[in-house]
Every structure is written in C-alpha cells, then in structure tokens.
Amino acid sequence: MPGLTFDELDGLTVTAADWWFNLRASNTEPLLRLNVEARDEETMAKVRDEVLAIVRG
C-alpha cells in the first residue's frame, strides 16, 4: 500500500504519515498486544477499530 511502511522486527509495525501501530504476541501472557498512536484521538480510534476487526475476523 502506498505511503505505508512495514516492519516485522518486534511483531508487526505499520507506519503511515499520521499514525502507526504495533501488533505482537505478549512475552508473558497468552495474548496479543496492540499499540496505536495517531495525530488525534479520532484517527487513533479508527485505526484501532480497523486492526481489531481484522484480528477478530
């Protein structure tokens, strides 16, 4: 996808111009950890919800 970078060093990190997220397995618990940062709360919530929909898919 244009404008996105992907890194698999520690889980999956996807970076765009105004947001990024990292999704990885926890080292201490049987679960996935999702961290999302964005320029504003609305963008963060949108990215979070889209990633969670894919994961829960």
N, C-alpha and C. Protein backbone atom coordinates (compact mmCIF):
# COMPACT_ATOMS: atom_id res chain seq x y z
N MET A 1 0.84 -1.18 0.00
CA MET A 1 0.00 0.00 0.00
C MET A 1 0.89 1.24 0.00
N PRO A 2 0.60 2.18 -0.87
CA PRO A 2 1.41 3.40 -0.93
C PRO A 2 1.34 4.20 0.37
N GLY A 3 2.49 4.72 0.78
CA GLY A 3 2.52 5.58 1.96
C GLY A 3 2.64 4.84 3.27
N LEU A 4 2.67 3.50 3.24
CA LEU A 4 2.81 2.72 4.47
C LEU A 4 4.16 2.03 4.49
N THR A 5 4.74 1.93 5.67
CA THR A 5 5.93 1.11 5.83
C THR A 5 5.60 -0.01 6.81
N PHE A 6 6.24 -1.16 6.59
CA PHE A 6 6.01 -2.34 7.40
C PHE A 6 7.33 -2.81 7.98
N ASP A 7 7.30 -3.20 9.26
CA ASP A 7 8.48 -3.71 9.95
C ASP A 7 8.06 -4.91 10.77
N GLU A 8 8.82 -5.98 10.71
CA GLU A 8 8.49 -7.19 11.45
C GLU A 8 9.51 -7.51 12.53
N LEU A 9 10.27 -6.51 12.97
CA LEU A 9 11.31 -6.74 13.98
C LEU A 9 10.73 -7.23 15.30
N ASP A 10 9.69 -6.60 15.80
CA ASP A 10 9.05 -6.99 17.07
C ASP A 10 7.55 -7.07 16.82
N GLY A 11 7.09 -8.16 16.22
CA GLY A 11 5.69 -8.26 15.81
C GLY A 11 5.54 -7.59 14.47
N LEU A 12 4.45 -6.90 14.26
CA LEU A 12 4.21 -6.17 13.03
C LEU A 12 3.98 -4.71 13.37
N THR A 13 4.80 -3.85 12.80
CA THR A 13 4.61 -2.41 12.94
C THR A 13 4.28 -1.84 11.58
N VAL A 14 3.18 -1.10 11.51
CA VAL A 14 2.75 -0.43 10.29
C VAL A 14 2.76 1.06 10.58
N THR A 15 3.43 1.82 9.71
CA THR A 15 3.56 3.26 9.91
C THR A 15 3.02 4.00 8.70
N ALA A 16 2.17 5.00 8.96
CA ALA A 16 1.65 5.90 7.94
C ALA A 16 2.11 7.32 8.30
N ALA A 17 1.68 8.29 7.53
CA ALA A 17 2.11 9.67 7.77
C ALA A 17 1.65 10.20 9.12
N ASP A 18 0.43 9.84 9.55
CA ASP A 18 -0.12 10.44 10.77
C ASP A 18 -0.53 9.42 11.83
N TRP A 19 -0.12 8.16 11.67
CA TRP A 19 -0.41 7.14 12.68
C TRP A 19 0.54 5.95 12.52
N TRP A 20 0.61 5.14 13.56
CA TRP A 20 1.33 3.88 13.48
C TRP A 20 0.70 2.91 14.47
N PHE A 21 0.90 1.61 14.22
CA PHE A 21 0.50 0.60 15.20
C PHE A 21 1.51 -0.52 15.22
N ASN A 22 1.56 -1.20 16.37
CA ASN A 22 2.38 -2.39 16.54
C ASN A 22 1.49 -3.47 17.12
N LEU A 23 1.53 -4.64 16.52
CA LEU A 23 0.77 -5.79 16.98
C LEU A 23 1.75 -6.92 17.20
N ARG A 24 1.76 -7.45 18.42
CA ARG A 24 2.72 -8.52 18.72
C ARG A 24 2.18 -9.42 19.81
N ALA A 25 2.72 -10.60 19.87
CA ALA A 25 2.38 -11.54 20.94
C ALA A 25 3.04 -11.05 22.23
N SER A 26 2.35 -11.21 23.34
CA SER A 26 2.92 -10.86 24.64
C SER A 26 4.02 -11.87 24.98
N ASN A 27 5.05 -11.40 25.66
CA ASN A 27 6.11 -12.29 26.12
C ASN A 27 5.76 -13.00 27.42
N THR A 28 4.75 -12.51 28.13
CA THR A 28 4.46 -13.04 29.46
C THR A 28 3.04 -13.59 29.61
N GLU A 29 2.16 -13.31 28.64
CA GLU A 29 0.77 -13.74 28.73
C GLU A 29 0.32 -14.30 27.39
N PRO A 30 -0.69 -15.18 27.37
CA PRO A 30 -1.16 -15.75 26.11
C PRO A 30 -2.14 -14.81 25.38
N LEU A 31 -1.65 -13.68 24.92
CA LEU A 31 -2.50 -12.71 24.24
C LEU A 31 -1.69 -11.87 23.28
N LEU A 32 -2.41 -11.13 22.43
CA LEU A 32 -1.79 -10.18 21.52
C LEU A 32 -1.82 -8.79 22.14
N ARG A 33 -0.80 -8.01 21.87
CA ARG A 33 -0.76 -6.63 22.34
C ARG A 33 -0.83 -5.71 21.13
N LEU A 34 -1.70 -4.72 21.22
CA LEU A 34 -1.85 -3.73 20.15
C LEU A 34 -1.59 -2.35 20.73
N ASN A 35 -0.64 -1.65 20.13
CA ASN A 35 -0.36 -0.26 20.49
C ASN A 35 -0.61 0.59 19.25
N VAL A 36 -1.37 1.66 19.43
CA VAL A 36 -1.70 2.56 18.32
C VAL A 36 -1.44 3.99 18.77
N GLU A 37 -0.77 4.76 17.92
CA GLU A 37 -0.59 6.19 18.16
C GLU A 37 -0.99 6.92 16.88
N ALA A 38 -1.59 8.10 17.04
CA ALA A 38 -2.03 8.90 15.90
C ALA A 38 -1.99 10.37 16.26
N ARG A 39 -2.18 11.20 15.25
CA ARG A 39 -2.13 12.67 15.47
C ARG A 39 -3.29 13.16 16.31
N ASP A 40 -4.42 12.40 16.32
CA ASP A 40 -5.56 12.80 17.14
C ASP A 40 -6.33 11.55 17.57
N GLU A 41 -7.20 11.73 18.54
CA GLU A 41 -7.92 10.60 19.12
C GLU A 41 -8.86 9.93 18.11
N GLU A 42 -9.48 10.71 17.26
CA GLU A 42 -10.40 10.14 16.25
C GLU A 42 -9.66 9.19 15.31
N THR A 43 -8.48 9.61 14.84
CA THR A 43 -7.69 8.76 13.95
C THR A 43 -7.23 7.52 14.67
N MET A 44 -6.77 7.68 15.91
CA MET A 44 -6.34 6.52 16.70
C MET A 44 -7.46 5.51 16.83
N ALA A 45 -8.67 5.96 17.16
CA ALA A 45 -9.80 5.05 17.35
C ALA A 45 -10.14 4.33 16.04
N LYS A 46 -10.07 5.04 14.92
CA LYS A 46 -10.38 4.43 13.63
C LYS A 46 -9.37 3.34 13.29
N VAL A 47 -8.07 3.64 13.46
CA VAL A 47 -7.02 2.64 13.19
C VAL A 47 -7.18 1.46 14.14
N ARG A 48 -7.37 1.72 15.41
CA ARG A 48 -7.55 0.65 16.40
C ARG A 48 -8.71 -0.27 16.01
N ASP A 49 -9.85 0.32 15.69
CA ASP A 49 -11.02 -0.46 15.35
C ASP A 49 -10.82 -1.30 14.08
N GLU A 50 -10.14 -0.72 13.09
CA GLU A 50 -9.88 -1.46 11.86
C GLU A 50 -8.94 -2.64 12.08
N VAL A 51 -7.89 -2.42 12.87
CA VAL A 51 -6.96 -3.51 13.16
C VAL A 51 -7.66 -4.60 13.98
N LEU A 52 -8.42 -4.22 14.98
CA LEU A 52 -9.13 -5.21 15.79
C LEU A 52 -10.14 -6.01 14.96
N ALA A 53 -10.79 -5.38 14.01
CA ALA A 53 -11.74 -6.09 13.14
C ALA A 53 -11.02 -7.15 12.31
N ILE A 54 -9.84 -6.83 11.84
CA ILE A 54 -9.06 -7.80 11.06
C ILE A 54 -8.62 -8.96 11.96
N VAL A 55 -8.11 -8.63 13.14
CA VAL A 55 -7.62 -9.66 14.06
C VAL A 55 -8.74 -10.59 14.49
N ARG A 56 -9.90 -10.02 14.78
CA ARG A 56 -11.04 -10.82 15.25
C ARG A 56 -11.74 -11.54 14.12
N GLY A 57 -11.50 -11.07 12.87
CA GLY A 57 -12.09 -11.51 11.65
C GLY A 57 -12.61 -12.86 11.59
